[in-house]
Amino acid sequence: MDIIEYRTYCLSFPGVTEGFPFDEQTLVFKVKGKMFSATDVDTFELVNVKCDPVKAIDLRERYSFVIPGYHMNKKHWNSIKMDEAVPDHLLKEWISDSYRLVVDKLPKKTQKELQQL
């Protein structure tokens, strides 16, 4: 997956916005103001995704390209090293999981609004 495919996939979810809240290089994807993924637009070296803490550890043990979240809470975030051969279906699964984790923490009313989009 390249950065254009990554961006397109992240934007395919209901209610997603993109922006550069930290600096001019870090592209962040949010749902209702809550971040679920980020990457460096200049290098596309790492993709950060939110992850269930138990699953995060399992993924780090199973895949050499999954590491604790760079500049993130390492309990809840993983970084995927894009310089290795990361299967697209896995990256998409992890992005989807990240989006769902964030949506599940939103108020029920907001969740229903997203379902209608």
Protein backbone atom coordinates (compact mmCIF):
# COMPACT_ATOMS: atom_id res chain seq x y z
CA MET A 1 0.00 0.00 0.00
CA ASP A 2 1.27 3.45 -0.83
CA ILE A 3 0.35 6.71 0.86
CA ILE A 4 -2.41 7.50 -1.64
CA GLU A 5 -4.10 4.14 -1.04
CA TYR A 6 -3.64 4.60 2.71
CA ARG A 7 -5.24 8.06 2.60
CA THR A 8 -8.11 6.87 0.42
CA TYR A 9 -8.80 3.96 2.74
CA CYS A 10 -8.77 6.11 5.89
CA LEU A 11 -11.13 8.63 4.29
CA SER A 12 -13.55 5.86 3.27
CA PHE A 13 -14.92 5.57 6.82
CA PRO A 14 -17.93 7.67 7.90
CA GLY A 15 -17.18 10.99 9.59
CA VAL A 16 -13.42 10.98 8.97
CA THR A 17 -11.43 14.16 8.64
CA GLU A 18 -7.75 14.67 7.92
CA GLY A 19 -5.34 17.34 8.96
CA PHE A 20 -1.91 18.37 10.22
CA PRO A 21 -2.47 19.24 13.90
CA PHE A 22 1.12 18.60 15.04
CA ASP A 23 3.35 19.80 12.19
CA GLU A 24 3.48 19.99 8.40
CA GLN A 25 4.60 16.36 7.98
CA THR A 26 2.30 14.36 10.25
CA LEU A 27 -0.98 13.57 8.51
CA VAL A 28 -3.63 12.63 11.09
CA PHE A 29 -6.98 10.98 10.49
CA LYS A 30 -9.74 11.57 13.02
CA VAL A 31 -13.33 10.57 13.54
CA LYS A 32 -15.37 13.16 15.43
CA GLY A 33 -12.15 14.83 16.57
CA LYS A 34 -10.52 11.63 17.89
CA MET A 35 -7.39 10.35 16.17
CA PHE A 36 -7.33 6.80 14.80
CA SER A 37 -4.33 6.85 12.46
CA ALA A 38 -1.34 8.98 11.50
CA THR A 39 1.69 8.90 9.22
CA ASP A 40 4.55 11.09 7.99
CA VAL A 41 3.61 12.34 4.52
CA ASP A 42 7.23 12.89 3.51
CA THR A 43 8.52 9.40 4.27
CA PHE A 44 5.44 7.17 4.80
CA GLU A 45 7.81 5.16 6.95
CA LEU A 46 5.40 4.37 9.79
CA VAL A 47 1.63 4.16 10.14
CA ASN A 48 0.27 4.58 13.67
CA VAL A 49 -2.96 2.80 14.60
CA LYS A 50 -4.85 2.43 17.85
CA CYS A 51 -5.04 -1.15 19.09
CA ASP A 52 -6.51 -3.20 21.91
CA PRO A 53 -3.66 -3.55 24.45
CA VAL A 54 -3.67 -7.37 24.48
CA LYS A 55 -3.85 -7.59 20.70
CA ALA A 56 -1.12 -4.94 20.39
CA ILE A 57 1.35 -7.16 22.23
CA ASP A 58 0.34 -10.22 20.20
CA LEU A 59 0.85 -8.37 16.91
CA ARG A 60 4.28 -7.11 18.00
CA GLU A 61 5.31 -10.67 18.81
CA ARG A 62 3.98 -12.10 15.54
CA TYR A 63 5.12 -9.49 13.03
CA SER A 64 8.56 -7.88 12.79
CA PHE A 65 7.02 -4.81 11.13
CA VAL A 66 4.74 -4.04 14.10
CA ILE A 67 6.36 -2.05 16.92
CA PRO A 68 5.11 -0.05 19.91
CA GLY A 69 3.52 3.22 18.82
CA TYR A 70 6.14 5.81 17.91
CA HIS A 71 5.48 9.03 19.87
CA MET A 72 2.25 7.44 21.12
CA ASN A 73 0.96 5.65 24.21
CA LYS A 74 2.69 2.33 23.68
CA LYS A 75 -0.03 0.42 25.51
CA HIS A 76 -2.76 1.51 23.08
CA TRP A 77 -0.92 2.26 19.84
CA ASN A 78 1.16 0.28 17.36
CA SER A 79 3.34 1.57 14.56
CA ILE A 80 3.61 -0.41 11.35
CA LYS A 81 6.94 -0.14 9.55
CA MET A 82 6.04 0.43 5.92
CA ASP A 83 9.53 -0.27 4.61
CA GLU A 84 8.82 -3.99 5.03
CA ALA A 85 6.36 -6.03 3.00
CA VAL A 86 3.18 -5.34 4.95
CA PRO A 87 0.24 -7.17 3.38
CA ASP A 88 -2.48 -4.70 2.40
CA HIS A 89 -5.21 -6.80 3.98
CA LEU A 90 -3.48 -6.68 7.38
CA LEU A 91 -2.94 -2.93 7.26
CA LYS A 92 -6.56 -2.40 6.26
CA GLU A 93 -7.72 -4.68 9.07
CA TRP A 94 -5.65 -2.74 11.62
CA ILE A 95 -6.85 0.63 10.35
CA SER A 96 -10.45 -0.63 10.51
CA ASP A 97 -9.91 -1.93 14.04
CA SER A 98 -8.43 1.41 15.06
CA TYR A 99 -11.39 3.31 13.64
CA ARG A 100 -13.85 0.98 15.43
CA LEU A 101 -12.02 1.31 18.75
CA VAL A 102 -12.35 5.09 18.57
CA VAL A 103 -15.99 5.01 17.44
CA ASP A 104 -16.89 2.57 20.22
CA LYS A 105 -15.74 5.16 22.79
CA LEU A 106 -17.90 7.93 21.33
CA PRO A 107 -21.32 8.77 22.81
CA LYS A 108 -24.12 6.47 21.57
CA LYS A 109 -25.83 9.39 19.84
CA THR A 110 -22.67 10.16 17.87
CA GLN A 111 -22.26 6.47 16.96
CA LYS A 112 -25.80 6.45 15.54
CA GLU A 113 -25.08 9.59 13.54
CA LEU A 114 -22.02 7.92 12.00
CA GLN A 115 -24.06 4.85 11.06
CA GLN A 116 -26.41 7.07 9.07
CA LEU A 117 -23.63 8.59 6.95
